[in-house]
Structures are given as structure tokens and as C-alpha cells.
Amino acid sequence: MYRFQDALKALKKWQLVKNWTPTKGYYGDDFWINSINSDFIEINIKKKNYPRVYQKDFEEISSIWSGIRSGEVQRSEYANHIFTSKYILSILYYLDLENGLADD
């Protein structure tokens, strides 16, 4: 399980993160890290509103990350109540890549 602090340390402002899904892999619709602070990671998706990934949501998804990656946990179990799950999954996959736990 990754902690929110792991993401804060690994990500940089204006960093491109490739959109990744458990069922399709890289899927286009990539995004940038707009800003990072101790409470949230702000996402830039070329729109006026910047979604924010909050620590609570990040760590909730991270706690089931291995099940998501293996296909044991389905999208319906988390996506309906965590609006930013799309971004969290991509950040978690990026962390796996950085730690040698995934292939690009």
C-alpha cells in the first residue's frame, strides 16, 4: 500500500501522468500535476476546474490497489463514491512503475 506521502514525494508540478486503467492499460486522456501540497494533489485536465485528489481518497484506493491490479476488486466497488479514482489509479500505477513493480 502506498501512502499519500509517497505520491507527494514522487510527483512534481507539471509532470505528465499517463491515464491507466486496470482493464485497458494506457487509455489516453493523460493529465498533468497542477499543484501539490500536504492536503491534496491538484490535477490539470485542460479545463477550468482542477480536480483534487485528497489523502483520504488516495489511501482508500491504495488500500485495495493489489486487488484492483489483479482484477479481484471491480470498478463499481470504488468509483461511484470516489470521483477522482481515475486519477488515483493512474498515480498508483506510476508509483508501481517508479518502484519496478510494473512494466511500461
PDB file of N, CA and C in Angstrom:
ATOM      1  N   MET A   1       0.840  -1.184   0.000  1.00  0.00           N
ATOM      2  CA  MET A   1       0.000   0.000   0.000  1.00  0.00           C
ATOM      3  C   MET A   1       0.885   1.247   0.000  1.00  0.00           C
ATOM      4  N   TYR A   2       0.559   2.156  -0.874  1.00  0.00           N
ATOM      5  CA  TYR A   2       1.262   3.437  -0.902  1.00  0.00           C
ATOM      6  C   TYR A   2       0.559   4.425   0.020  1.00  0.00           C
ATOM      7  N   ARG A   3       1.335   5.222   0.679  1.00  0.00           N
ATOM      8  CA  ARG A   3       0.801   6.313   1.490  1.00  0.00           C
ATOM      9  C   ARG A   3       0.722   7.555   0.609  1.00  0.00           C
ATOM     10  N   PHE A   4      -0.099   8.479   1.008  1.00  0.00           N
ATOM     11  CA  PHE A   4      -0.230   9.732   0.270  1.00  0.00           C
ATOM     12  C   PHE A   4       1.123  10.439   0.170  1.00  0.00           C
ATOM     13  N   GLN A   5       1.913  10.333   1.230  1.00  0.00           N
ATOM     14  CA  GLN A   5       3.240  10.959   1.240  1.00  0.00           C
ATOM     15  C   GLN A   5       4.137  10.390   0.141  1.00  0.00           C
ATOM     16  N   ASP A   6       3.967   9.118  -0.203  1.00  0.00           N
ATOM     17  CA  ASP A   6       4.749   8.516  -1.290  1.00  0.00           C
ATOM     18  C   ASP A   6       4.465   9.234  -2.605  1.00  0.00           C
ATOM     19  N   ALA A   7       3.199   9.533  -2.838  1.00  0.00           N
ATOM     20  CA  ALA A   7       2.822  10.247  -4.059  1.00  0.00           C
ATOM     21  C   ALA A   7       3.368  11.674  -4.046  1.00  0.00           C
ATOM     22  N   LEU A   8       3.278  12.333  -2.892  1.00  0.00           N
ATOM     23  CA  LEU A   8       3.783  13.704  -2.791  1.00  0.00           C
ATOM     24  C   LEU A   8       5.277  13.768  -3.093  1.00  0.00           C
ATOM     25  N   LYS A   9       6.021  12.759  -2.652  1.00  0.00           N
ATOM     26  CA  LYS A   9       7.465  12.737  -2.886  1.00  0.00           C
ATOM     27  C   LYS A   9       7.809  12.407  -4.337  1.00  0.00           C
ATOM     28  N   ALA A  10       7.024  11.552  -4.968  1.00  0.00           N
ATOM     29  CA  ALA A  10       7.345  11.070  -6.316  1.00  0.00           C
ATOM     30  C   ALA A  10       6.916  12.021  -7.424  1.00  0.00           C
ATOM     31  N   LEU A  11       5.858  12.770  -7.196  1.00  0.00           N
ATOM     32  CA  LEU A  11       5.307  13.627  -8.242  1.00  0.00           C
ATOM     33  C   LEU A  11       5.893  15.033  -8.187  1.00  0.00           C
ATOM     34  N   LYS A  12       5.945  15.654  -9.337  1.00  0.00           N
ATOM     35  CA  LYS A  12       6.435  17.029  -9.463  1.00  0.00           C
ATOM     36  C   LYS A  12       5.385  17.867 -10.191  1.00  0.00           C
ATOM     37  N   LYS A  13       5.383  19.159  -9.905  1.00  0.00           N
ATOM     38  CA  LYS A  13       4.465  20.062 -10.595  1.00  0.00           C
ATOM     39  C   LYS A  13       4.729  20.014 -12.104  1.00  0.00           C
ATOM     40  N   TRP A  14       3.664  19.987 -12.880  1.00  0.00           N
ATOM     41  CA  TRP A  14       3.648  19.938 -14.345  1.00  0.00           C
ATOM     42  C   TRP A  14       4.086  18.592 -14.904  1.00  0.00           C
ATOM     43  N   GLN A  15       4.199  17.604 -14.042  1.00  0.00           N
ATOM     44  CA  GLN A  15       4.552  16.269 -14.506  1.00  0.00           C
ATOM     45  C   GLN A  15       3.376  15.657 -15.247  1.00  0.00           C
ATOM     46  N   LEU A  16       3.659  15.034 -16.372  1.00  0.00           N
ATOM     47  CA  LEU A  16       2.641  14.316 -17.127  1.00  0.00           C
ATOM     48  C   LEU A  16       2.453  12.933 -16.515  1.00  0.00           C
ATOM     49  N   VAL A  17       1.196  12.554 -16.295  1.00  0.00           N
ATOM     50  CA  VAL A  17       0.865  11.214 -15.815  1.00  0.00           C
ATOM     51  C   VAL A  17      -0.046  10.588 -16.866  1.00  0.00           C
ATOM     52  N   LYS A  18       0.343   9.422 -17.346  1.00  0.00           N
ATOM     53  CA  LYS A  18      -0.465   8.730 -18.344  1.00  0.00           C
ATOM     54  C   LYS A  18      -1.686   8.105 -17.677  1.00  0.00           C
ATOM     55  N   ASN A  19      -2.831   8.279 -18.320  1.00  0.00           N
ATOM     56  CA  ASN A  19      -4.065   7.686 -17.825  1.00  0.00           C
ATOM     57  C   ASN A  19      -3.982   6.170 -17.997  1.00  0.00           C
ATOM     58  N   TRP A  20      -4.194   5.443 -16.910  1.00  0.00           N
ATOM     59  CA  TRP A  20      -4.097   3.985 -16.914  1.00  0.00           C
ATOM     60  C   TRP A  20      -5.340   3.399 -16.280  1.00  0.00           C
ATOM     61  N   THR A  21      -5.849   2.327 -16.878  1.00  0.00           N
ATOM     62  CA  THR A  21      -6.990   1.623 -16.292  1.00  0.00           C
ATOM     63  C   THR A  21      -6.642   0.142 -16.140  1.00  0.00           C
ATOM     64  N   PRO A  22      -7.213  -0.523 -15.151  1.00  0.00           N
ATOM     65  CA  PRO A  22      -6.908  -1.940 -14.947  1.00  0.00           C
ATOM     66  C   PRO A  22      -7.341  -2.831 -16.112  1.00  0.00           C
ATOM     67  N   THR A  23      -8.383  -2.436 -16.824  1.00  0.00           N
ATOM     68  CA  THR A  23      -8.889  -3.289 -17.896  1.00  0.00           C
ATOM     69  C   THR A  23      -8.280  -2.981 -19.261  1.00  0.00           C
ATOM     70  N   LYS A  24      -7.855  -1.731 -19.484  1.00  0.00           N
ATOM     71  CA  LYS A  24      -7.374  -1.343 -20.810  1.00  0.00           C
ATOM     72  C   LYS A  24      -5.926  -0.881 -20.832  1.00  0.00           C
ATOM     73  N   GLY A  25      -5.288  -0.795 -19.671  1.00  0.00           N
ATOM     74  CA  GLY A  25      -3.917  -0.284 -19.644  1.00  0.00           C
ATOM     75  C   GLY A  25      -3.919   1.214 -19.932  1.00  0.00           C
ATOM     76  N   TYR A  26      -2.915   1.674 -20.679  1.00  0.00           N
ATOM     77  CA  TYR A  26      -2.877   3.093 -21.038  1.00  0.00           C
ATOM     78  C   TYR A  26      -4.024   3.382 -21.975  1.00  0.00           C
ATOM     79  N   TYR A  27      -4.720   4.462 -21.694  1.00  0.00           N
ATOM     80  CA  TYR A  27      -6.001   4.690 -22.361  1.00  0.00           C
ATOM     81  C   TYR A  27      -6.151   6.102 -22.928  1.00  0.00           C
ATOM     82  N   GLY A  28      -5.072   6.863 -23.029  1.00  0.00           N
ATOM     83  CA  GLY A  28      -5.200   8.246 -23.489  1.00  0.00           C
ATOM     84  C   GLY A  28      -5.771   9.110 -22.378  1.00  0.00           C
ATOM     85  N   ASP A  29      -6.103  10.343 -22.690  1.00  0.00           N
ATOM     86  CA  ASP A  29      -6.674  11.268 -21.707  1.00  0.00           C
ATOM     87  C   ASP A  29      -5.712  11.495 -20.537  1.00  0.00           C
ATOM     88  N   ASP A  30      -4.410  11.636 -20.876  1.00  0.00           N
ATOM     89  CA  ASP A  30      -3.394  11.862 -19.862  1.00  0.00           C
ATOM     90  C   ASP A  30      -3.628  13.195 -19.160  1.00  0.00           C
ATOM     91  N   PHE A  31      -2.959  13.404 -18.028  1.00  0.00           N
ATOM     92  CA  PHE A  31      -3.153  14.632 -17.258  1.00  0.00           C
ATOM     93  C   PHE A  31      -1.831  15.086 -16.668  1.00  0.00           C
ATOM     94  N   TRP A  32      -1.826  16.306 -16.176  1.00  0.00           N
ATOM     95  CA  TRP A  32      -0.650  16.890 -15.554  1.00  0.00           C
ATOM     96  C   TRP A  32      -0.922  17.148 -14.078  1.00  0.00           C
ATOM     97  N   ILE A  33       0.142  17.172 -13.317  1.00  0.00           N
ATOM     98  CA  ILE A  33       0.043  17.558 -11.917  1.00  0.00           C
ATOM     99  C   ILE A  33       0.109  19.080 -11.883  1.00  0.00           C
ATOM    100  N   ASN A  34      -0.956  19.707 -11.452  1.00  0.00           N
ATOM    101  CA  ASN A  34      -1.041  21.161 -11.436  1.00  0.00           C
ATOM    102  C   ASN A  34      -0.376  21.755 -10.194  1.00  0.00           C
ATOM    103  N   SER A  35      -0.649  21.144  -9.046  1.00  0.00           N
ATOM    104  CA  SER A  35      -0.013  21.588  -7.805  1.00  0.00           C
ATOM    105  C   SER A  35      -0.053  20.445  -6.793  1.00  0.00           C
ATOM    106  N   ILE A  36       0.855  20.532  -5.843  1.00  0.00           N
ATOM    107  CA  ILE A  36       0.979  19.510  -4.809  1.00  0.00           C
ATOM    108  C   ILE A  36       1.110  20.217  -3.470  1.00  0.00           C
ATOM    109  N   ASN A  37       0.323  19.798  -2.497  1.00  0.00           N
ATOM    110  CA  ASN A  37       0.534  20.271  -1.130  1.00  0.00           C
ATOM    111  C   ASN A  37       0.192  19.144  -0.169  1.00  0.00           C
ATOM    112  N   SER A  38       0.311  19.367   1.083  1.00  0.00           N
ATOM    113  CA  SER A  38       0.150  18.281   2.057  1.00  0.00           C
ATOM    114  C   SER A  38      -1.279  17.754   2.156  1.00  0.00           C
ATOM    115  N   ASP A  39      -2.250  18.491   1.635  1.00  0.00           N
ATOM    116  CA  ASP A  39      -3.654  18.077   1.727  1.00  0.00           C
ATOM    117  C   ASP A  39      -4.201  17.426   0.459  1.00  0.00           C
ATOM    118  N   PHE A  40      -3.662  17.809  -0.686  1.00  0.00           N
ATOM    119  CA  PHE A  40      -4.205  17.290  -1.944  1.00  0.00           C
ATOM    120  C   PHE A  40      -3.196  17.435  -3.081  1.00  0.00           C
ATOM    121  N   ILE A  41      -3.484  16.701  -4.156  1.00  0.00           N
ATOM    122  CA  ILE A  41      -2.773  16.827  -5.424  1.00  0.00           C
ATOM    123  C   ILE A  41      -3.796  17.353  -6.413  1.00  0.00           C
ATOM    124  N   GLU A  42      -3.499  18.481  -7.013  1.00  0.00           N
ATOM    125  CA  GLU A  42      -4.430  19.084  -7.966  1.00  0.00           C
ATOM    126  C   GLU A  42      -4.052  18.646  -9.384  1.00  0.00           C
ATOM    127  N   ILE A  43      -5.065  18.227 -10.126  1.00  0.00           N
ATOM    128  CA  ILE A  43      -4.892  17.665 -11.461  1.00  0.00           C
ATOM    129  C   ILE A  43      -5.269  18.700 -12.519  1.00  0.00           C
ATOM    130  N   ASN A  44      -4.470  18.779 -13.570  1.00  0.00           N
ATOM    131  CA  ASN A  44      -4.773  19.663 -14.699  1.00  0.00           C
ATOM    132  C   ASN A  44      -5.215  18.796 -15.869  1.00  0.00           C
ATOM    133  N   ILE A  45      -6.466  19.001 -16.282  1.00  0.00           N
ATOM    134  CA  ILE A  45      -7.031  18.231 -17.386  1.00  0.00           C
ATOM    135  C   ILE A  45      -7.469  19.143 -18.530  1.00  0.00           C
ATOM    136  N   LYS A  46      -6.818  20.299 -18.641  1.00  0.00           N
ATOM    137  CA  LYS A  46      -7.113  21.275 -19.703  1.00  0.00           C
ATOM    138  C   LYS A  46      -8.524  21.842 -19.605  1.00  0.00           C
ATOM    139  N   LYS A  47      -9.059  21.922 -18.418  1.00  0.00           N
ATOM    140  CA  LYS A  47     -10.375  22.532 -18.195  1.00  0.00           C
ATOM    141  C   LYS A  47     -10.237  23.565 -17.099  1.00  0.00           C
ATOM    142  N   LYS A  48     -11.270  24.354 -16.915  1.00  0.00           N
ATOM    143  CA  LYS A  48     -11.216  25.400 -15.893  1.00  0.00           C
ATOM    144  C   LYS A  48     -11.190  24.835 -14.484  1.00  0.00           C
ATOM    145  N   ASN A  49     -11.898  23.752 -14.265  1.00  0.00           N
ATOM    146  CA  ASN A  49     -11.928  23.144 -12.930  1.00  0.00           C
ATOM    147  C   ASN A  49     -10.822  22.116 -12.808  1.00  0.00           C
ATOM    148  N   TYR A  50     -10.076  22.182 -11.731  1.00  0.00           N
ATOM    149  CA  TYR A  50      -8.985  21.255 -11.494  1.00  0.00           C
ATOM    150  C   TYR A  50      -9.396  20.275 -10.401  1.00  0.00           C
ATOM    151  N   PRO A  51      -9.620  18.998 -10.751  1.00  0.00           N
ATOM    152  CA  PRO A  51      -9.966  18.019  -9.726  1.00  0.00           C
ATOM    153  C   PRO A  51      -8.836  17.888  -8.710  1.00  0.00           C
ATOM    154  N   ARG A  52      -9.198  17.588  -7.482  1.00  0.00           N
ATOM    155  CA  ARG A  52      -8.215  17.412  -6.416  1.00  0.00           C
ATOM    156  C   ARG A  52      -8.297  15.998  -5.866  1.00  0.00           C
ATOM    157  N   VAL A  53      -7.131  15.384  -5.743  1.00  0.00           N
ATOM    158  CA  VAL A  53      -7.013  14.070  -5.120  1.00  0.00           C
ATOM    159  C   VAL A  53      -6.646  14.316  -3.662  1.00  0.00           C
ATOM    160  N   TYR A  54      -7.550  13.943  -2.770  1.00  0.00           N
ATOM    161  CA  TYR A  54      -7.320  14.137  -1.336  1.00  0.00           C
ATOM    162  C   TYR A  54      -6.726  12.869  -0.709  1.00  0.00           C
ATOM    163  N   GLN A  55      -6.007  13.069   0.360  1.00  0.00           N
ATOM    164  CA  GLN A  55      -5.313  11.980   1.046  1.00  0.00           C
ATOM    165  C   GLN A  55      -6.253  10.835   1.390  1.00  0.00           C
ATOM    166  N   LYS A  56      -7.400  11.133   1.964  1.00  0.00           N
ATOM    167  CA  LYS A  56      -8.352  10.094   2.377  1.00  0.00           C
ATOM    168  C   LYS A  56      -8.744   9.203   1.200  1.00  0.00           C
ATOM    169  N   ASP A  57      -9.089   9.808   0.071  1.00  0.00           N
ATOM    170  CA  ASP A  57      -9.486   9.041  -1.113  1.00  0.00           C
ATOM    171  C   ASP A  57      -8.310   8.245  -1.674  1.00  0.00           C
ATOM    172  N   PHE A  58      -7.152   8.886  -1.733  1.00  0.00           N
ATOM    173  CA  PHE A  58      -5.956   8.216  -2.243  1.00  0.00           C
ATOM    174  C   PHE A  58      -5.664   6.961  -1.420  1.00  0.00           C
ATOM    175  N   GLU A  59      -5.675   7.091  -0.121  1.00  0.00           N
ATOM    176  CA  GLU A  59      -5.321   5.955   0.733  1.00  0.00           C
ATOM    177  C   GLU A  59      -6.405   4.886   0.750  1.00  0.00           C
ATOM    178  N   GLU A  60      -7.655   5.276   0.538  1.00  0.00           N
ATOM    179  CA  GLU A  60      -8.713   4.267   0.441  1.00  0.00           C
ATOM    180  C   GLU A  60      -8.506   3.393  -0.802  1.00  0.00           C
ATOM    181  N   ILE A  61      -8.226   4.020  -1.928  1.00  0.00           N
ATOM    182  CA  ILE A  61      -7.969   3.262  -3.164  1.00  0.00           C
ATOM    183  C   ILE A  61      -6.660   2.482  -3.034  1.00  0.00           C
ATOM    184  N   SER A  62      -5.647   3.108  -2.461  1.00  0.00           N
ATOM    185  CA  SER A  62      -4.357   2.442  -2.300  1.00  0.00           C
ATOM    186  C   SER A  62      -4.476   1.171  -1.460  1.00  0.00           C
ATOM    187  N   SER A  63      -5.364   1.187  -0.480  1.00  0.00           N
ATOM    188  CA  SER A  63      -5.519   0.023   0.400  1.00  0.00           C
ATOM    189  C   SER A  63      -6.067  -1.196  -0.347  1.00  0.00           C
ATOM    190  N   ILE A  64      -6.717  -0.995  -1.483  1.00  0.00           N
ATOM    191  CA  ILE A  64      -7.253  -2.106  -2.283  1.00  0.00           C
ATOM    192  C   ILE A  64      -6.537  -2.221  -3.636  1.00  0.00           C
ATOM    193  N   TRP A  65      -5.423  -1.521  -3.772  1.00  0.00           N
ATOM    194  CA  TRP A  65      -4.694  -1.455  -5.038  1.00  0.00           C
ATOM    195  C   TRP A  65      -4.321  -2.835  -5.577  1.00  0.00           C
ATOM    196  N   SER A  66      -3.814  -3.718  -4.748  1.00  0.00           N
ATOM    197  CA  SER A  66      -3.416  -5.038  -5.249  1.00  0.00           C
ATOM    198  C   SER A  66      -4.628  -5.797  -5.795  1.00  0.00           C
ATOM    199  N   GLY A  67      -5.772  -5.642  -5.168  1.00  0.00           N
ATOM    200  CA  GLY A  67      -6.993  -6.270  -5.667  1.00  0.00           C
ATOM    201  C   GLY A  67      -7.474  -5.654  -6.967  1.00  0.00           C
ATOM    202  N   ILE A  68      -7.294  -4.359  -7.111  1.00  0.00           N
ATOM    203  CA  ILE A  68      -7.654  -3.685  -8.370  1.00  0.00           C
ATOM    204  C   ILE A  68      -6.752  -4.186  -9.484  1.00  0.00           C
ATOM    205  N   ARG A  69      -5.447  -4.223  -9.227  1.00  0.00           N
ATOM    206  CA  ARG A  69      -4.483  -4.673 -10.241  1.00  0.00           C
ATOM    207  C   ARG A  69      -4.742  -6.110 -10.665  1.00  0.00           C
ATOM    208  N   SER A  70      -5.126  -6.961  -9.733  1.00  0.00           N
ATOM    209  CA  SER A  70      -5.337  -8.378 -10.050  1.00  0.00           C
ATOM    210  C   SER A  70      -6.721  -8.645 -10.654  1.00  0.00           C
ATOM    211  N   GLY A  71      -7.611  -7.647 -10.598  1.00  0.00           N
ATOM    212  CA  GLY A  71      -8.959  -7.821 -11.124  1.00  0.00           C
ATOM    213  C   GLY A  71      -9.953  -8.342 -10.105  1.00  0.00           C
ATOM    214  N   GLU A  72      -9.504  -8.571  -8.875  1.00  0.00           N
ATOM    215  CA  GLU A  72     -10.402  -9.066  -7.831  1.00  0.00           C
ATOM    216  C   GLU A  72     -11.377  -7.995  -7.348  1.00  0.00           C
ATOM    217  N   VAL A  73     -10.958  -6.734  -7.377  1.00  0.00           N
ATOM    218  CA  VAL A  73     -11.811  -5.618  -6.966  1.00  0.00           C
ATOM    219  C   VAL A  73     -12.293  -4.914  -8.236  1.00  0.00           C
ATOM    220  N   GLN A  74     -13.588  -4.830  -8.376  1.00  0.00           N
ATOM    221  CA  GLN A  74     -14.187  -4.217  -9.572  1.00  0.00           C
ATOM    222  C   GLN A  74     -14.381  -2.716  -9.400  1.00  0.00           C
ATOM    223  N   ARG A  75     -14.392  -2.024 -10.501  1.00  0.00           N
ATOM    224  CA  ARG A  75     -14.546  -0.559 -10.516  1.00  0.00           C
ATOM    225  C   ARG A  75     -15.778  -0.106  -9.739  1.00  0.00           C
ATOM    226  N   SER A  76     -16.849  -0.832  -9.850  1.00  0.00           N
ATOM    227  CA  SER A  76     -18.099  -0.454  -9.174  1.00  0.00           C
ATOM    228  C   SER A  76     -17.952  -0.413  -7.652  1.00  0.00           C
ATOM    229  N   GLU A  77     -16.930  -1.059  -7.122  1.00  0.00           N
ATOM    230  CA  GLU A  77     -16.730  -1.095  -5.677  1.00  0.00           C
ATOM    231  C   GLU A  77     -16.083   0.171  -5.125  1.00  0.00           C
ATOM    232  N   TYR A  78     -15.541   1.017  -5.997  1.00  0.00           N
ATOM    233  CA  TYR A  78     -14.874   2.227  -5.505  1.00  0.00           C
ATOM    234  C   TYR A  78     -15.176   3.475  -6.330  1.00  0.00           C
ATOM    235  N   ALA A  79     -15.413   3.352  -7.610  1.00  0.00           N
ATOM    236  CA  ALA A  79     -15.506   4.519  -8.490  1.00  0.00           C
ATOM    237  C   ALA A  79     -16.744   5.375  -8.254  1.00  0.00           C
ATOM    238  N   ASN A  80     -17.821   4.768  -7.795  1.00  0.00           N
ATOM    239  CA  ASN A  80     -19.056   5.532  -7.622  1.00  0.00           C
ATOM    240  C   ASN A  80     -18.999   6.520  -6.470  1.00  0.00           C
ATOM    241  N   HIS A  81     -18.150   6.276  -5.490  1.00  0.00           N
ATOM    242  CA  HIS A  81     -18.095   7.190  -4.348  1.00  0.00           C
ATOM    243  C   HIS A  81     -16.777   7.962  -4.259  1.00  0.00           C
ATOM    244  N   ILE A  82     -15.848   7.690  -5.153  1.00  0.00           N
ATOM    245  CA  ILE A  82     -14.605   8.470  -5.190  1.00  0.00           C
ATOM    246  C   ILE A  82     -14.457   9.040  -6.599  1.00  0.00           C
ATOM    247  N   PHE A  83     -14.840  10.286  -6.741  1.00  0.00           N
ATOM    248  CA  PHE A  83     -14.878  10.960  -8.041  1.00  0.00           C
ATOM    249  C   PHE A  83     -13.518  10.948  -8.736  1.00  0.00           C
ATOM    250  N   THR A  84     -12.445  11.042  -7.988  1.00  0.00           N
ATOM    251  CA  THR A  84     -11.116  11.150  -8.585  1.00  0.00           C
ATOM    252  C   THR A  84     -10.399   9.801  -8.718  1.00  0.00           C
ATOM    253  N   SER A  85     -11.140   8.705  -8.647  1.00  0.00           N
ATOM    254  CA  SER A  85     -10.500   7.388  -8.709  1.00  0.00           C
ATOM    255  C   SER A  85      -9.698   7.200  -9.991  1.00  0.00           C
ATOM    256  N   LYS A  86     -10.157   7.763 -11.083  1.00  0.00           N
ATOM    257  CA  LYS A  86      -9.440   7.674 -12.359  1.00  0.00           C
ATOM    258  C   LYS A  86      -8.012   8.197 -12.218  1.00  0.00           C
ATOM    259  N   TYR A  87      -7.861   9.309 -11.554  1.00  0.00           N
ATOM    260  CA  TYR A  87      -6.538   9.912 -11.378  1.00  0.00           C
ATOM    261  C   TYR A  87      -5.710   9.140 -10.351  1.00  0.00           C
ATOM    262  N   ILE A  88      -6.371   8.666  -9.324  1.00  0.00           N
ATOM    263  CA  ILE A  88      -5.670   7.903  -8.288  1.00  0.00           C
ATOM    264  C   ILE A  88      -5.085   6.620  -8.867  1.00  0.00           C
ATOM    265  N   LEU A  89      -5.855   5.903  -9.681  1.00  0.00           N
ATOM    266  CA  LEU A  89      -5.354   4.672 -10.295  1.00  0.00           C
ATOM    267  C   LEU A  89      -4.112   4.949 -11.133  1.00  0.00           C
ATOM    268  N   SER A  90      -4.147   6.020 -11.899  1.00  0.00           N
ATOM    269  CA  SER A  90      -3.009   6.364 -12.750  1.00  0.00           C
ATOM    270  C   SER A  90      -1.787   6.734 -11.917  1.00  0.00           C
ATOM    271  N   ILE A  91      -1.992   7.441 -10.835  1.00  0.00           N
ATOM    272  CA  ILE A  91      -0.877   7.799  -9.945  1.00  0.00           C
ATOM    273  C   ILE A  91      -0.316   6.544  -9.278  1.00  0.00           C
ATOM    274  N   LEU A  92      -1.183   5.641  -8.841  1.00  0.00           N
ATOM    275  CA  LEU A  92      -0.710   4.401  -8.232  1.00  0.00           C
ATOM    276  C   LEU A  92       0.085   3.568  -9.227  1.00  0.00           C
ATOM    277  N   TYR A  93      -0.377   3.510 -10.460  1.00  0.00           N
ATOM    278  CA  TYR A  93       0.365   2.768 -11.478  1.00  0.00           C
ATOM    279  C   TYR A  93       1.721   3.431 -11.737  1.00  0.00           C
ATOM    280  N   TYR A  94       1.736   4.755 -11.759  1.00  0.00           N
ATOM    281  CA  TYR A  94       3.001   5.481 -11.907  1.00  0.00           C
ATOM    282  C   TYR A  94       3.957   5.121 -10.765  1.00  0.00           C
ATOM    283  N   LEU A  95       3.451   5.061  -9.544  1.00  0.00           N
ATOM    284  CA  LEU A  95       4.286   4.680  -8.399  1.00  0.00           C
ATOM    285  C   LEU A  95       4.816   3.253  -8.558  1.00  0.00           C
ATOM    286  N   ASP A  96       3.975   2.348  -9.063  1.00  0.00           N
ATOM    287  CA  ASP A  96       4.450   0.984  -9.332  1.00  0.00           C
ATOM    288  C   ASP A  96       5.581   0.995 -10.357  1.00  0.00           C
ATOM    289  N   LEU A  97       5.428   1.788 -11.409  1.00  0.00           N
ATOM    290  CA  LEU A  97       6.492   1.896 -12.420  1.00  0.00           C
ATOM    291  C   LEU A  97       7.783   2.408 -11.795  1.00  0.00           C
ATOM    292  N   GLU A  98       7.673   3.442 -10.980  1.00  0.00           N
ATOM    293  CA  GLU A  98       8.839   4.044 -10.336  1.00  0.00           C
ATOM    294  C   GLU A  98       9.541   3.063  -9.406  1.00  0.00           C
ATOM    295  N   ASN A  99       8.788   2.133  -8.851  1.00  0.00           N
ATOM    296  CA  ASN A  99       9.337   1.178  -7.899  1.00  0.00           C
ATOM    297  C   ASN A  99       9.642  -0.191  -8.539  1.00  0.00           C
ATOM    298  N   GLY A 100       9.567  -0.260  -9.854  1.00  0.00           N
ATOM    299  CA  GLY A 100       9.892  -1.506 -10.555  1.00  0.00           C
ATOM    300  C   GLY A 100       8.867  -2.609 -10.399  1.00  0.00           C
ATOM    301  N   LEU A 101       7.637  -2.240 -10.073  1.00  0.00           N
ATOM    302  CA  LEU A 101       6.587  -3.224  -9.839  1.00  0.00           C
ATOM    303  C   LEU A 101       5.620  -3.374 -11.019  1.00  0.00           C
ATOM    304  N   ALA A 102       5.892  -2.655 -12.111  1.00  0.00           N
ATOM    305  CA  ALA A 102       5.038  -2.717 -13.294  1.00  0.00           C
ATOM    306  C   ALA A 102       5.903  -2.479 -14.522  1.00  0.00           C
ATOM    307  N   ASP A 103       5.408  -2.942 -15.650  1.00  0.00           N
ATOM    308  CA  ASP A 103       6.085  -2.713 -16.926  1.00  0.00           C
ATOM    309  C   ASP A 103       5.358  -1.603 -17.661  1.00  0.00           C
ATOM    310  N   ASP A 104       6.131  -0.762 -18.323  1.00  0.00           N
ATOM    311  CA  ASP A 104       5.535   0.353 -19.061  1.00  0.00           C
ATOM    312  C   ASP A 104       4.922  -0.117 -20.356  1.00  0.00           C
TER     313      ASP A 104
END
